[in-house]
């Protein structure tokens, strides 16, 4: 059984919802970019990478797991004044 609720926010509530959605979008895209950069830095062999076309990260950089990214959110919140 599903329920669907319709909301009718006023102008200030609507702006607040848009702001929260924007913050969530930026946080999600940043985390996704972090993971993609880590994966792309390990795609090619070290002796065949082009500096201008490949991602180069430290070899000992650990994978940006979900737990690490969730633990970094409070610091990001303070940095972005959310």
PDB file of N, CA and C in Angstrom:
ATOM      1  N   UNK A   1       0.840  -1.168   0.000  1.00  0.00           N
ATOM      2  CA  UNK A   1       0.000   0.000   0.000  1.00  0.00           C
ATOM      3  C   UNK A   1       0.895   1.244   0.000  1.00  0.00           C
ATOM      4  N   UNK A   2       0.630   2.169  -0.864  1.00  0.00           N
ATOM      5  CA  UNK A   2       1.400   3.401  -0.974  1.00  0.00           C
ATOM      6  C   UNK A   2       0.527   4.605  -0.658  1.00  0.00           C
ATOM      7  N   UNK A   3       1.164   5.600  -0.079  1.00  0.00           N
ATOM      8  CA  UNK A   3       0.491   6.870   0.178  1.00  0.00           C
ATOM      9  C   UNK A   3       1.263   7.970  -0.528  1.00  0.00           C
ATOM     10  N   UNK A   4       0.555   8.892  -1.075  1.00  0.00           N
ATOM     11  CA  UNK A   4       1.177  10.035  -1.719  1.00  0.00           C
ATOM     12  C   UNK A   4       0.616  11.293  -1.060  1.00  0.00           C
ATOM     13  N   UNK A   5       1.526  12.112  -0.565  1.00  0.00           N
ATOM     14  CA  UNK A   5       1.129  13.347   0.084  1.00  0.00           C
ATOM     15  C   UNK A   5       1.589  14.527  -0.747  1.00  0.00           C
ATOM     16  N   UNK A   6       0.747  15.471  -0.925  1.00  0.00           N
ATOM     17  CA  UNK A   6       1.096  16.679  -1.672  1.00  0.00           C
ATOM     18  C   UNK A   6       1.313  17.811  -0.674  1.00  0.00           C
ATOM     19  N   UNK A   7       2.408  18.530  -0.864  1.00  0.00           N
ATOM     20  CA  UNK A   7       2.682  19.650   0.029  1.00  0.00           C
ATOM     21  C   UNK A   7       2.581  20.949  -0.761  1.00  0.00           C
ATOM     22  N   UNK A   8       2.220  21.992  -0.077  1.00  0.00           N
ATOM     23  CA  UNK A   8       2.101  23.312  -0.686  1.00  0.00           C
ATOM     24  C   UNK A   8       2.915  24.295   0.147  1.00  0.00           C
ATOM     25  N   UNK A   9       4.225  24.331  -0.090  1.00  0.00           N
ATOM     26  CA  UNK A   9       5.061  25.229   0.709  1.00  0.00           C
ATOM     27  C   UNK A   9       4.876  26.684   0.284  1.00  0.00           C
ATOM     28  N   UNK A  10       5.077  27.572   1.249  1.00  0.00           N
ATOM     29  CA  UNK A  10       5.061  28.984   0.887  1.00  0.00           C
ATOM     30  C   UNK A  10       6.425  29.345   0.281  1.00  0.00           C
ATOM     31  N   UNK A  11       6.624  30.598  -0.061  1.00  0.00           N
ATOM     32  CA  UNK A  11       7.831  31.020  -0.784  1.00  0.00           C
ATOM     33  C   UNK A  11       9.103  30.763   0.038  1.00  0.00           C
ATOM     34  N   UNK A  12       9.088  31.088   1.320  1.00  0.00           N
ATOM     35  CA  UNK A  12      10.294  30.894   2.134  1.00  0.00           C
ATOM     36  C   UNK A  12      10.593  29.410   2.338  1.00  0.00           C
ATOM     37  N   UNK A  13       9.555  28.600   2.523  1.00  0.00           N
ATOM     38  CA  UNK A  13       9.760  27.157   2.672  1.00  0.00           C
ATOM     39  C   UNK A  13      10.281  26.554   1.368  1.00  0.00           C
ATOM     40  N   UNK A  14       9.748  27.032   0.263  1.00  0.00           N
ATOM     41  CA  UNK A  14      10.194  26.530  -1.037  1.00  0.00           C
ATOM     42  C   UNK A  14      11.659  26.877  -1.276  1.00  0.00           C
ATOM     43  N   UNK A  15      12.067  28.090  -0.925  1.00  0.00           N
ATOM     44  CA  UNK A  15      13.461  28.490  -1.085  1.00  0.00           C
ATOM     45  C   UNK A  15      14.361  27.660  -0.178  1.00  0.00           C
ATOM     46  N   UNK A  16      13.899  27.383   1.027  1.00  0.00           N
ATOM     47  CA  UNK A  16      14.662  26.554   1.959  1.00  0.00           C
ATOM     48  C   UNK A  16      14.839  25.133   1.414  1.00  0.00           C
ATOM     49  N   UNK A  17      13.778  24.586   0.831  1.00  0.00           N
ATOM     50  CA  UNK A  17      13.870  23.248   0.232  1.00  0.00           C
ATOM     51  C   UNK A  17      14.844  23.230  -0.942  1.00  0.00           C
ATOM     52  N   UNK A  18      14.808  24.272  -1.780  1.00  0.00           N
ATOM     53  CA  UNK A  18      15.743  24.353  -2.901  1.00  0.00           C
ATOM     54  C   UNK A  18      17.180  24.465  -2.410  1.00  0.00           C
ATOM     55  N   UNK A  19      17.396  25.225  -1.339  1.00  0.00           N
ATOM     56  CA  UNK A  19      18.742  25.357  -0.784  1.00  0.00           C
ATOM     57  C   UNK A  19      19.254  24.014  -0.269  1.00  0.00           C
ATOM     58  N   UNK A  20      18.410  23.271   0.447  1.00  0.00           N
ATOM     59  CA  UNK A  20      18.807  21.956   0.961  1.00  0.00           C
ATOM     60  C   UNK A  20      19.094  20.981  -0.174  1.00  0.00           C
ATOM     61  N   UNK A  21      18.259  21.033  -1.224  1.00  0.00           N
ATOM     62  CA  UNK A  21      18.489  20.147  -2.359  1.00  0.00           C
ATOM     63  C   UNK A  21      19.800  20.492  -3.057  1.00  0.00           C
ATOM     64  N   UNK A  22      20.126  21.766  -3.131  1.00  0.00           N
ATOM     65  CA  UNK A  22      21.379  22.184  -3.742  1.00  0.00           C
ATOM     66  C   UNK A  22      22.579  21.702  -2.923  1.00  0.00           C
ATOM     67  N   UNK A  23      22.497  21.821  -1.600  1.00  0.00           N
ATOM     68  CA  UNK A  23      23.579  21.344  -0.732  1.00  0.00           C
ATOM     69  C   UNK A  23      23.749  19.835  -0.869  1.00  0.00           C
ATOM     70  N   UNK A  24      22.641  19.107  -0.894  1.00  0.00           N
ATOM     71  CA  UNK A  24      22.713  17.649  -1.044  1.00  0.00           C
ATOM     72  C   UNK A  24      23.307  17.266  -2.396  1.00  0.00           C
ATOM     73  N   UNK A  25      22.946  17.982  -3.436  1.00  0.00           N
ATOM     74  CA  UNK A  25      23.473  17.707  -4.773  1.00  0.00           C
ATOM     75  C   UNK A  25      24.976  17.937  -4.822  1.00  0.00           C
ATOM     76  N   UNK A  26      25.438  19.037  -4.242  1.00  0.00           N
ATOM     77  CA  UNK A  26      26.869  19.348  -4.239  1.00  0.00           C
ATOM     78  C   UNK A  26      27.635  18.300  -3.436  1.00  0.00           C
ATOM     79  N   UNK A  27      27.104  17.917  -2.269  1.00  0.00           N
ATOM     80  CA  UNK A  27      27.779  16.913  -1.433  1.00  0.00           C
ATOM     81  C   UNK A  27      27.854  15.565  -2.147  1.00  0.00           C
ATOM     82  N   UNK A  28      26.768  15.156  -2.790  1.00  0.00           N
ATOM     83  CA  UNK A  28      26.749  13.884  -3.508  1.00  0.00           C
ATOM     84  C   UNK A  28      27.752  13.901  -4.662  1.00  0.00           C
ATOM     85  N   UNK A  29      27.728  14.971  -5.447  1.00  0.00           N
ATOM     86  CA  UNK A  29      28.634  15.053  -6.598  1.00  0.00           C
ATOM     87  C   UNK A  29      30.093  15.108  -6.162  1.00  0.00           C
ATOM     88  N   UNK A  30      30.381  15.772  -5.047  1.00  0.00           N
ATOM     89  CA  UNK A  30      31.753  15.822  -4.550  1.00  0.00           C
ATOM     90  C   UNK A  30      32.218  14.417  -4.145  1.00  0.00           C
ATOM     91  N   UNK A  31      31.372  13.685  -3.415  1.00  0.00           N
ATOM     92  CA  UNK A  31      31.729  12.325  -3.014  1.00  0.00           C
ATOM     93  C   UNK A  31      31.905  11.403  -4.205  1.00  0.00           C
ATOM     94  N   UNK A  32      31.032  11.542  -5.193  1.00  0.00           N
ATOM     95  CA  UNK A  32      31.140  10.720  -6.395  1.00  0.00           C
ATOM     96  C   UNK A  32      32.420  11.044  -7.163  1.00  0.00           C
ATOM     97  N   UNK A  33      32.765  12.334  -7.264  1.00  0.00           N
ATOM     98  CA  UNK A  33      33.995  12.740  -7.954  1.00  0.00           C
ATOM     99  C   UNK A  33      35.213  12.200  -7.224  1.00  0.00           C
ATOM    100  N   UNK A  34      35.174  12.193  -5.893  1.00  0.00           N
ATOM    101  CA  UNK A  34      36.284  11.660  -5.101  1.00  0.00           C
ATOM    102  C   UNK A  34      36.510  10.181  -5.420  1.00  0.00           C
ATOM    103  N   UNK A  35      35.443   9.418  -5.488  1.00  0.00           N
ATOM    104  CA  UNK A  35      35.539   7.986  -5.787  1.00  0.00           C
ATOM    105  C   UNK A  35      36.016   7.771  -7.228  1.00  0.00           C
ATOM    106  N   UNK A  36      35.446   8.528  -8.174  1.00  0.00           N
ATOM    107  CA  UNK A  36      35.839   8.363  -9.579  1.00  0.00           C
ATOM    108  C   UNK A  36      37.299   8.745  -9.799  1.00  0.00           C
ATOM    109  N   UNK A  37      37.761   9.810  -9.143  1.00  0.00           N
ATOM    110  CA  UNK A  37      39.167  10.195  -9.275  1.00  0.00           C
ATOM    111  C   UNK A  37      40.083   9.100  -8.738  1.00  0.00           C
ATOM    112  N   UNK A  38      39.709   8.494  -7.611  1.00  0.00           N
ATOM    113  CA  UNK A  38      40.522   7.427  -7.040  1.00  0.00           C
ATOM    114  C   UNK A  38      40.567   6.235  -8.002  1.00  0.00           C
ATOM    115  N   UNK A  39      39.424   5.861  -8.548  1.00  0.00           N
ATOM    116  CA  UNK A  39      39.378   4.720  -9.473  1.00  0.00           C
ATOM    117  C   UNK A  39      40.143   5.013 -10.760  1.00  0.00           C
ATOM    118  N   UNK A  40      39.993   6.229 -11.286  1.00  0.00           N
ATOM    119  CA  UNK A  40      40.696   6.580 -12.527  1.00  0.00           C
ATOM    120  C   UNK A  40      42.204   6.649 -12.330  1.00  0.00           C
ATOM    121  N   UNK A  41      42.652   6.933 -11.119  1.00  0.00           N
ATOM    122  CA  UNK A  41      44.092   7.014 -10.886  1.00  0.00           C
ATOM    123  C   UNK A  41      44.744   5.632 -10.874  1.00  0.00           C
ATOM    124  N   UNK A  42      43.956   4.588 -10.820  1.00  0.00           N
ATOM    125  CA  UNK A  42      44.503   3.235 -10.776  1.00  0.00           C
ATOM    126  C   UNK A  42      44.209   2.435 -12.033  1.00  0.00           C
ATOM    127  N   UNK A  43      43.748   3.081 -13.093  1.00  0.00           N
ATOM    128  CA  UNK A  43      43.388   2.360 -14.312  1.00  0.00           C
ATOM    129  C   UNK A  43      44.582   1.979 -15.174  1.00  0.00           C
ATOM    130  N   UNK A  44      45.558   2.845 -15.275  1.00  0.00           N
ATOM    131  CA  UNK A  44      46.659   2.562 -16.199  1.00  0.00           C
ATOM    132  C   UNK A  44      47.897   2.094 -15.427  1.00  0.00           C
ATOM    133  N   UNK A  45      48.805   1.455 -16.153  1.00  0.00           N
ATOM    134  CA  UNK A  45      50.060   1.046 -15.545  1.00  0.00           C
ATOM    135  C   UNK A  45      50.930   2.276 -15.317  1.00  0.00           C
ATOM    136  N   UNK A  46      51.732   2.242 -14.301  1.00  0.00           N
ATOM    137  CA  UNK A  46      52.533   3.399 -13.914  1.00  0.00           C
ATOM    138  C   UNK A  46      53.498   3.804 -15.013  1.00  0.00           C
ATOM    139  N   UNK A  47      54.101   2.851 -15.699  1.00  0.00           N
ATOM    140  CA  UNK A  47      55.089   3.193 -16.717  1.00  0.00           C
ATOM    141  C   UNK A  47      54.459   3.628 -18.048  1.00  0.00           C
ATOM    142  N   UNK A  48      53.137   3.617 -18.138  1.00  0.00           N
ATOM    143  CA  UNK A  48      52.473   4.003 -19.387  1.00  0.00           C
ATOM    144  C   UNK A  48      51.496   5.163 -19.230  1.00  0.00           C
ATOM    145  N   UNK A  49      51.474   5.809 -18.090  1.00  0.00           N
ATOM    146  CA  UNK A  49      50.543   6.908 -17.852  1.00  0.00           C
ATOM    147  C   UNK A  49      51.043   8.203 -18.476  1.00  0.00           C
ATOM    148  N   UNK A  50      50.117   8.934 -19.025  1.00  0.00           N
ATOM    149  CA  UNK A  50      50.417  10.257 -19.538  1.00  0.00           C
ATOM    150  C   UNK A  50      50.041  11.273 -18.468  1.00  0.00           C
ATOM    151  N   UNK A  51      50.928  12.164 -18.116  1.00  0.00           N
ATOM    152  CA  UNK A  51      50.660  13.135 -17.058  1.00  0.00           C
ATOM    153  C   UNK A  51      49.510  14.052 -17.447  1.00  0.00           C
ATOM    154  N   UNK A  52      49.379  14.373 -18.707  1.00  0.00           N
ATOM    155  CA  UNK A  52      48.329  15.312 -19.117  1.00  0.00           C
ATOM    156  C   UNK A  52      46.959  14.656 -19.273  1.00  0.00           C
ATOM    157  N   UNK A  53      46.902  13.330 -19.403  1.00  0.00           N
ATOM    158  CA  UNK A  53      45.623  12.673 -19.635  1.00  0.00           C
ATOM    159  C   UNK A  53      45.172  11.748 -18.507  1.00  0.00           C
ATOM    160  N   UNK A  54      46.010  11.467 -17.570  1.00  0.00           N
ATOM    161  CA  UNK A  54      45.669  10.512 -16.523  1.00  0.00           C
ATOM    162  C   UNK A  54      45.605  11.195 -15.163  1.00  0.00           C
ATOM    163  N   UNK A  55      44.828  10.621 -14.289  1.00  0.00           N
ATOM    164  CA  UNK A  55      44.784  11.072 -12.908  1.00  0.00           C
ATOM    165  C   UNK A  55      45.963  10.462 -12.176  1.00  0.00           C
ATOM    166  N   UNK A  56      46.702  11.269 -11.467  1.00  0.00           N
ATOM    167  CA  UNK A  56      47.823  10.754 -10.705  1.00  0.00           C
ATOM    168  C   UNK A  56      47.601  11.115  -9.251  1.00  0.00           C
ATOM    169  N   UNK A  57      47.482  10.111  -8.424  1.00  0.00           N
ATOM    170  CA  UNK A  57      47.301  10.290  -6.985  1.00  0.00           C
ATOM    171  C   UNK A  57      48.365   9.470  -6.286  1.00  0.00           C
ATOM    172  N   UNK A  58      48.567   9.750  -5.038  1.00  0.00           N
ATOM    173  CA  UNK A  58      49.548   8.992  -4.264  1.00  0.00           C
ATOM    174  C   UNK A  58      49.152   7.522  -4.227  1.00  0.00           C
ATOM    175  N   UNK A  59      50.135   6.665  -4.318  1.00  0.00           N
ATOM    176  CA  UNK A  59      49.867   5.225  -4.331  1.00  0.00           C
ATOM    177  C   UNK A  59      49.312   4.742  -3.007  1.00  0.00           C
ATOM    178  N   UNK A  60      49.657   5.418  -1.917  1.00  0.00           N
ATOM    179  CA  UNK A  60      49.163   4.978  -0.612  1.00  0.00           C
ATOM    180  C   UNK A  60      47.853   5.658  -0.228  1.00  0.00           C
ATOM    181  N   UNK A  61      47.240   6.422  -1.132  1.00  0.00           N
ATOM    182  CA  UNK A  61      45.936   7.045  -0.849  1.00  0.00           C
ATOM    183  C   UNK A  61      44.893   5.948  -0.726  1.00  0.00           C
ATOM    184  N   UNK A  62      44.191   5.946   0.384  1.00  0.00           N
ATOM    185  CA  UNK A  62      43.200   4.889   0.604  1.00  0.00           C
ATOM    186  C   UNK A  62      41.897   5.215  -0.116  1.00  0.00           C
ATOM    187  N   UNK A  63      41.125   4.188  -0.354  1.00  0.00           N
ATOM    188  CA  UNK A  63      39.848   4.340  -1.047  1.00  0.00           C
ATOM    189  C   UNK A  63      38.906   5.203  -0.218  1.00  0.00           C
ATOM    190  N   UNK A  64      38.237   6.191  -0.828  1.00  0.00           N
ATOM    191  CA  UNK A  64      37.308   7.040  -0.083  1.00  0.00           C
ATOM    192  C   UNK A  64      35.994   6.301   0.179  1.00  0.00           C
ATOM    193  N   UNK A  65      36.000   5.483   1.200  1.00  0.00           N
ATOM    194  CA  UNK A  65      34.841   4.651   1.500  1.00  0.00           C
ATOM    195  C   UNK A  65      33.684   5.489   2.032  1.00  0.00           C
ATOM    196  N   UNK A  66      32.539   4.856   2.128  1.00  0.00           N
ATOM    197  CA  UNK A  66      31.338   5.530   2.620  1.00  0.00           C
ATOM    198  C   UNK A  66      31.539   6.053   4.034  1.00  0.00           C
ATOM    199  N   UNK A  67      32.183   5.271   4.883  1.00  0.00           N
ATOM    200  CA  UNK A  67      32.407   5.677   6.267  1.00  0.00           C
ATOM    201  C   UNK A  67      33.298   6.911   6.337  1.00  0.00           C
ATOM    202  N   UNK A  68      34.364   6.926   5.545  1.00  0.00           N
ATOM    203  CA  UNK A  68      35.264   8.087   5.536  1.00  0.00           C
ATOM    204  C   UNK A  68      34.543   9.327   5.032  1.00  0.00           C
ATOM    205  N   UNK A  69      33.730   9.174   4.003  1.00  0.00           N
ATOM    206  CA  UNK A  69      33.007  10.315   3.472  1.00  0.00           C
ATOM    207  C   UNK A  69      31.945  10.813   4.458  1.00  0.00           C
ATOM    208  N   UNK A  70      31.273   9.902   5.136  1.00  0.00           N
ATOM    209  CA  UNK A  70      30.281  10.317   6.135  1.00  0.00           C
ATOM    210  C   UNK A  70      30.940  11.020   7.310  1.00  0.00           C
ATOM    211  N   UNK A  71      32.115  10.563   7.701  1.00  0.00           N
ATOM    212  CA  UNK A  71      32.837  11.215   8.796  1.00  0.00           C
ATOM    213  C   UNK A  71      33.354  12.598   8.396  1.00  0.00           C
ATOM    214  N   UNK A  72      33.535  12.833   7.110  1.00  0.00           N
ATOM    215  CA  UNK A  72      34.018  14.132   6.643  1.00  0.00           C
ATOM    216  C   UNK A  72      32.892  15.157   6.488  1.00  0.00           C
ATOM    217  N   UNK A  73      31.642  14.730   6.545  1.00  0.00           N
ATOM    218  CA  UNK A  73      30.529  15.652   6.353  1.00  0.00           C
ATOM    219  C   UNK A  73      30.453  16.763   7.399  1.00  0.00           C
ATOM    220  N   UNK A  74      30.656  16.501   8.697  1.00  0.00           N
ATOM    221  CA  UNK A  74      30.599  17.611   9.663  1.00  0.00           C
ATOM    222  C   UNK A  74      31.630  18.697   9.396  1.00  0.00           C
ATOM    223  N   UNK A  75      32.832  18.307   8.966  1.00  0.00           N
ATOM    224  CA  UNK A  75      33.854  19.297   8.625  1.00  0.00           C
ATOM    225  C   UNK A  75      33.431  20.099   7.402  1.00  0.00           C
ATOM    226  N   UNK A  76      32.852  19.447   6.426  1.00  0.00           N
ATOM    227  CA  UNK A  76      32.383  20.146   5.221  1.00  0.00           C
ATOM    228  C   UNK A  76      31.238  21.094   5.566  1.00  0.00           C
ATOM    229  N   UNK A  77      30.391  20.655   6.475  1.00  0.00           N
ATOM    230  CA  UNK A  77      29.272  21.502   6.888  1.00  0.00           C
ATOM    231  C   UNK A  77      29.774  22.791   7.511  1.00  0.00           C
ATOM    232  N   UNK A  78      30.816  22.693   8.332  1.00  0.00           N
ATOM    233  CA  UNK A  78      31.388  23.889   8.931  1.00  0.00           C
ATOM    234  C   UNK A  78      32.084  24.745   7.879  1.00  0.00           C
ATOM    235  N   UNK A  79      32.752  24.103   6.931  1.00  0.00           N
ATOM    236  CA  UNK A  79      33.470  24.848   5.890  1.00  0.00           C
ATOM    237  C   UNK A  79      32.515  25.610   4.976  1.00  0.00           C
ATOM    238  N   UNK A  80      31.361  25.018   4.672  1.00  0.00           N
ATOM    239  CA  UNK A  80      30.402  25.658   3.779  1.00  0.00           C
ATOM    240  C   UNK A  80      29.331  26.437   4.524  1.00  0.00           C
ATOM    241  N   UNK A  81      29.432  26.505   5.859  1.00  0.00           N
ATOM    242  CA  UNK A  81      28.482  27.260   6.689  1.00  0.00           C
ATOM    243  C   UNK A  81      27.037  26.819   6.450  1.00  0.00           C
ATOM    244  N   UNK A  82      26.809  25.524   6.461  1.00  0.00           N
ATOM    245  CA  UNK A  82      25.460  25.004   6.250  1.00  0.00           C
ATOM    246  C   UNK A  82      24.723  24.843   7.559  1.00  0.00           C
TER     247      UNK A  82
END
